[in-house]
């Protein structure tokens, strides 16, 4: 009885393997088929999503919007912060954010209702620091 069940399971597995093999080959054939692309004329007529245009009566104003990027705080010295390779002081604009606060180990960037906290060193949760000096 056990032998017949094993043989039956083997046959069912073999049959299902062959049926999925043909399905797999069909899927690969669809992937290999050449795809239709957008003609260059249509592609060139699509507006750039990072340029904002607005019409003001007789003139057109074009503003380039910056992609939001990561900020890297590399140093703090003399109430100035070194962010992404440049020195800034409180009140300066950093990629659309206003530098609102410069602390000893962190800075705060503000843009409308959004705030970003940048730290000199990565914060590690659950880390116990032992003070030097025998305490």
C-alpha atoms as a PDB file:
ATOM      1  CA  UNK A   1       0.000   0.000   0.000  1.00  0.00           C
ATOM      2  CA  UNK A   2       2.788   2.431   0.915  1.00  0.00           C
ATOM      3  CA  UNK A   3       4.578   1.580  -2.324  1.00  0.00           C
ATOM      4  CA  UNK A   4       1.517   2.345  -4.421  1.00  0.00           C
ATOM      5  CA  UNK A   5       1.021   5.706  -2.649  1.00  0.00           C
ATOM      6  CA  UNK A   6       4.649   6.645  -3.293  1.00  0.00           C
ATOM      7  CA  UNK A   7       4.331   5.702  -6.966  1.00  0.00           C
ATOM      8  CA  UNK A   8       1.110   7.713  -7.231  1.00  0.00           C
ATOM      9  CA  UNK A   9       2.733  10.771  -5.624  1.00  0.00           C
ATOM     10  CA  UNK A  10       5.712  10.408  -7.984  1.00  0.00           C
ATOM     11  CA  UNK A  11       3.459  10.242 -11.054  1.00  0.00           C
ATOM     12  CA  UNK A  12       1.379  13.247  -9.942  1.00  0.00           C
ATOM     13  CA  UNK A  13       4.568  15.214  -9.283  1.00  0.00           C
ATOM     14  CA  UNK A  14       5.993  14.278 -12.671  1.00  0.00           C
ATOM     15  CA  UNK A  15       2.811  15.273 -14.517  1.00  0.00           C
ATOM     16  CA  UNK A  16       2.540  18.600 -12.676  1.00  0.00           C
ATOM     17  CA  UNK A  17       6.252  19.279 -13.410  1.00  0.00           C
ATOM     18  CA  UNK A  18       5.637  18.856 -17.131  1.00  0.00           C
ATOM     19  CA  UNK A  19       2.574  21.084 -17.107  1.00  0.00           C
ATOM     20  CA  UNK A  20       4.395  23.886 -15.244  1.00  0.00           C
ATOM     21  CA  UNK A  21       7.350  23.487 -17.605  1.00  0.00           C
ATOM     22  CA  UNK A  22       5.181  24.353 -20.611  1.00  0.00           C
ATOM     23  CA  UNK A  23       3.727  27.313 -18.699  1.00  0.00           C
ATOM     24  CA  UNK A  24       7.226  28.454 -17.849  1.00  0.00           C
ATOM     25  CA  UNK A  25       8.319  28.221 -21.487  1.00  0.00           C
ATOM     26  CA  UNK A  26       5.246  30.239 -22.505  1.00  0.00           C
ATOM     27  CA  UNK A  27       6.148  32.934 -19.966  1.00  0.00           C
ATOM     28  CA  UNK A  28       9.743  33.047 -21.215  1.00  0.00           C
ATOM     29  CA  UNK A  29       8.514  33.399 -24.802  1.00  0.00           C
ATOM     30  CA  UNK A  30       6.425  36.416 -23.742  1.00  0.00           C
ATOM     31  CA  UNK A  31       9.447  37.982 -22.058  1.00  0.00           C
ATOM     32  CA  UNK A  32      11.672  37.463 -25.101  1.00  0.00           C
ATOM     33  CA  UNK A  33       9.137  38.999 -27.502  1.00  0.00           C
ATOM     34  CA  UNK A  34      10.088  42.514 -28.670  1.00  0.00           C
ATOM     35  CA  UNK A  35       8.275  45.282 -26.825  1.00  0.00           C
ATOM     36  CA  UNK A  36       6.697  48.390 -28.237  1.00  0.00           C
ATOM     37  CA  UNK A  37       8.267  51.626 -27.080  1.00  0.00           C
ATOM     38  CA  UNK A  38       7.074  55.216 -27.133  1.00  0.00           C
ATOM     39  CA  UNK A  39       8.019  57.049 -30.332  1.00  0.00           C
ATOM     40  CA  UNK A  40      10.646  59.769 -29.874  1.00  0.00           C
ATOM     41  CA  UNK A  41       8.200  62.517 -30.888  1.00  0.00           C
ATOM     42  CA  UNK A  42       5.815  61.553 -28.071  1.00  0.00           C
ATOM     43  CA  UNK A  43       8.658  61.160 -25.597  1.00  0.00           C
ATOM     44  CA  UNK A  44      10.077  64.610 -26.366  1.00  0.00           C
ATOM     45  CA  UNK A  45       6.645  66.220 -25.914  1.00  0.00           C
ATOM     46  CA  UNK A  46       6.260  64.914 -22.342  1.00  0.00           C
ATOM     47  CA  UNK A  47       6.973  67.759 -19.880  1.00  0.00           C
ATOM     48  CA  UNK A  48       9.795  67.435 -17.365  1.00  0.00           C
ATOM     49  CA  UNK A  49       8.249  66.536 -13.973  1.00  0.00           C
ATOM     50  CA  UNK A  50      10.941  68.485 -12.092  1.00  0.00           C
ATOM     51  CA  UNK A  51      10.252  71.843 -13.770  1.00  0.00           C
ATOM     52  CA  UNK A  52       7.293  73.793 -12.455  1.00  0.00           C
ATOM     53  CA  UNK A  53       5.770  76.355 -14.816  1.00  0.00           C
ATOM     54  CA  UNK A  54       3.167  78.990 -14.073  1.00  0.00           C
ATOM     55  CA  UNK A  55       1.832  81.806 -16.219  1.00  0.00           C
ATOM     56  CA  UNK A  56       1.702  85.289 -14.731  1.00  0.00           C
ATOM     57  CA  UNK A  57      -0.352  87.453 -17.119  1.00  0.00           C
ATOM     58  CA  UNK A  58       2.081  88.175 -19.983  1.00  0.00           C
ATOM     59  CA  UNK A  59       5.087  86.130 -18.882  1.00  0.00           C
ATOM     60  CA  UNK A  60       5.866  82.540 -18.019  1.00  0.00           C
ATOM     61  CA  UNK A  61       7.778  81.769 -14.823  1.00  0.00           C
ATOM     62  CA  UNK A  62       9.802  78.574 -14.749  1.00  0.00           C
ATOM     63  CA  UNK A  63      10.970  77.148 -11.435  1.00  0.00           C
ATOM     64  CA  UNK A  64      13.161  74.099 -11.143  1.00  0.00           C
ATOM     65  CA  UNK A  65      12.164  71.959  -8.201  1.00  0.00           C
ATOM     66  CA  UNK A  66      14.919  69.999  -6.526  1.00  0.00           C
ATOM     67  CA  UNK A  67      14.450  66.343  -5.835  1.00  0.00           C
ATOM     68  CA  UNK A  68      14.386  65.767  -2.121  1.00  0.00           C
ATOM     69  CA  UNK A  69      17.671  64.201  -1.172  1.00  0.00           C
ATOM     70  CA  UNK A  70      19.371  62.842   1.855  1.00  0.00           C
ATOM     71  CA  UNK A  71      21.245  65.261   4.043  1.00  0.00           C
ATOM     72  CA  UNK A  72      24.586  64.378   5.542  1.00  0.00           C
ATOM     73  CA  UNK A  73      25.785  66.283   8.601  1.00  0.00           C
ATOM     74  CA  UNK A  74      29.576  65.983   8.746  1.00  0.00           C
ATOM     75  CA  UNK A  75      30.545  68.560  11.363  1.00  0.00           C
ATOM     76  CA  UNK A  76      29.476  71.305  13.751  1.00  0.00           C
ATOM     77  CA  UNK A  77      31.827  74.133  14.721  1.00  0.00           C
ATOM     78  CA  UNK A  78      31.383  77.753  15.909  1.00  0.00           C
ATOM     79  CA  UNK A  79      27.580  77.588  15.581  1.00  0.00           C
ATOM     80  CA  UNK A  80      27.894  76.455  11.966  1.00  0.00           C
ATOM     81  CA  UNK A  81      26.952  73.100  10.464  1.00  0.00           C
ATOM     82  CA  UNK A  82      28.755  71.298   7.623  1.00  0.00           C
ATOM     83  CA  UNK A  83      25.938  69.725   5.584  1.00  0.00           C
ATOM     84  CA  UNK A  84      26.490  68.031   2.202  1.00  0.00           C
ATOM     85  CA  UNK A  85      29.892  69.664   1.739  1.00  0.00           C
ATOM     86  CA  UNK A  86      28.984  73.266   2.666  1.00  0.00           C
ATOM     87  CA  UNK A  87      28.965  75.331   5.870  1.00  0.00           C
ATOM     88  CA  UNK A  88      25.643  76.811   7.038  1.00  0.00           C
ATOM     89  CA  UNK A  89      24.528  78.913  10.002  1.00  0.00           C
ATOM     90  CA  UNK A  90      21.099  79.147  11.639  1.00  0.00           C
ATOM     91  CA  UNK A  91      18.548  80.713   9.303  1.00  0.00           C
ATOM     92  CA  UNK A  92      20.314  79.621   6.087  1.00  0.00           C
ATOM     93  CA  UNK A  93      18.427  77.624   3.455  1.00  0.00           C
ATOM     94  CA  UNK A  94      19.622  74.088   2.734  1.00  0.00           C
ATOM     95  CA  UNK A  95      17.881  72.574  -0.337  1.00  0.00           C
ATOM     96  CA  UNK A  96      14.567  74.234   0.498  1.00  0.00           C
ATOM     97  CA  UNK A  97      14.825  73.608   4.256  1.00  0.00           C
ATOM     98  CA  UNK A  98      15.640  76.352   6.762  1.00  0.00           C
ATOM     99  CA  UNK A  99      18.344  75.521   9.271  1.00  0.00           C
ATOM    100  CA  UNK A 100      16.387  76.179  12.455  1.00  0.00           C
ATOM    101  CA  UNK A 101      18.684  74.906  15.200  1.00  0.00           C
ATOM    102  CA  UNK A 102      22.328  73.925  15.593  1.00  0.00           C
ATOM    103  CA  UNK A 103      23.148  71.930  18.711  1.00  0.00           C
ATOM    104  CA  UNK A 104      26.270  70.183  19.937  1.00  0.00           C
ATOM    105  CA  UNK A 105      25.589  66.908  18.094  1.00  0.00           C
ATOM    106  CA  UNK A 106      22.520  67.647  15.972  1.00  0.00           C
ATOM    107  CA  UNK A 107      20.814  70.161  13.691  1.00  0.00           C
ATOM    108  CA  UNK A 108      17.159  70.647  12.832  1.00  0.00           C
ATOM    109  CA  UNK A 109      15.996  71.510   9.311  1.00  0.00           C
ATOM    110  CA  UNK A 110      12.472  72.933   8.869  1.00  0.00           C
ATOM    111  CA  UNK A 111      10.305  73.081   5.735  1.00  0.00           C
ATOM    112  CA  UNK A 112       6.670  74.111   6.254  1.00  0.00           C
ATOM    113  CA  UNK A 113       5.290  71.381   8.577  1.00  0.00           C
ATOM    114  CA  UNK A 114       8.164  68.955   7.991  1.00  0.00           C
ATOM    115  CA  UNK A 115      11.224  68.776  10.238  1.00  0.00           C
ATOM    116  CA  UNK A 116      14.407  66.764   9.811  1.00  0.00           C
ATOM    117  CA  UNK A 117      16.821  65.979  12.609  1.00  0.00           C
ATOM    118  CA  UNK A 118      20.399  65.378  11.472  1.00  0.00           C
ATOM    119  CA  UNK A 119      22.852  63.826  13.892  1.00  0.00           C
ATOM    120  CA  UNK A 120      26.643  63.794  13.782  1.00  0.00           C
ATOM    121  CA  UNK A 121      26.721  60.119  14.648  1.00  0.00           C
ATOM    122  CA  UNK A 122      24.151  57.460  13.997  1.00  0.00           C
ATOM    123  CA  UNK A 123      21.902  56.984  17.014  1.00  0.00           C
ATOM    124  CA  UNK A 124      21.984  53.485  18.443  1.00  0.00           C
ATOM    125  CA  UNK A 125      19.013  52.499  20.573  1.00  0.00           C
ATOM    126  CA  UNK A 126      19.646  50.359  23.620  1.00  0.00           C
ATOM    127  CA  UNK A 127      23.319  51.293  23.844  1.00  0.00           C
ATOM    128  CA  UNK A 128      24.619  51.793  27.384  1.00  0.00           C
ATOM    129  CA  UNK A 129      27.494  54.229  27.656  1.00  0.00           C
ATOM    130  CA  UNK A 130      29.855  54.084  30.609  1.00  0.00           C
ATOM    131  CA  UNK A 131      31.133  57.440  31.816  1.00  0.00           C
ATOM    132  CA  UNK A 132      34.855  57.771  32.277  1.00  0.00           C
ATOM    133  CA  UNK A 133      36.290  58.849  35.608  1.00  0.00           C
ATOM    134  CA  UNK A 134      35.138  55.930  37.786  1.00  0.00           C
ATOM    135  CA  UNK A 135      31.372  56.660  37.805  1.00  0.00           C
END
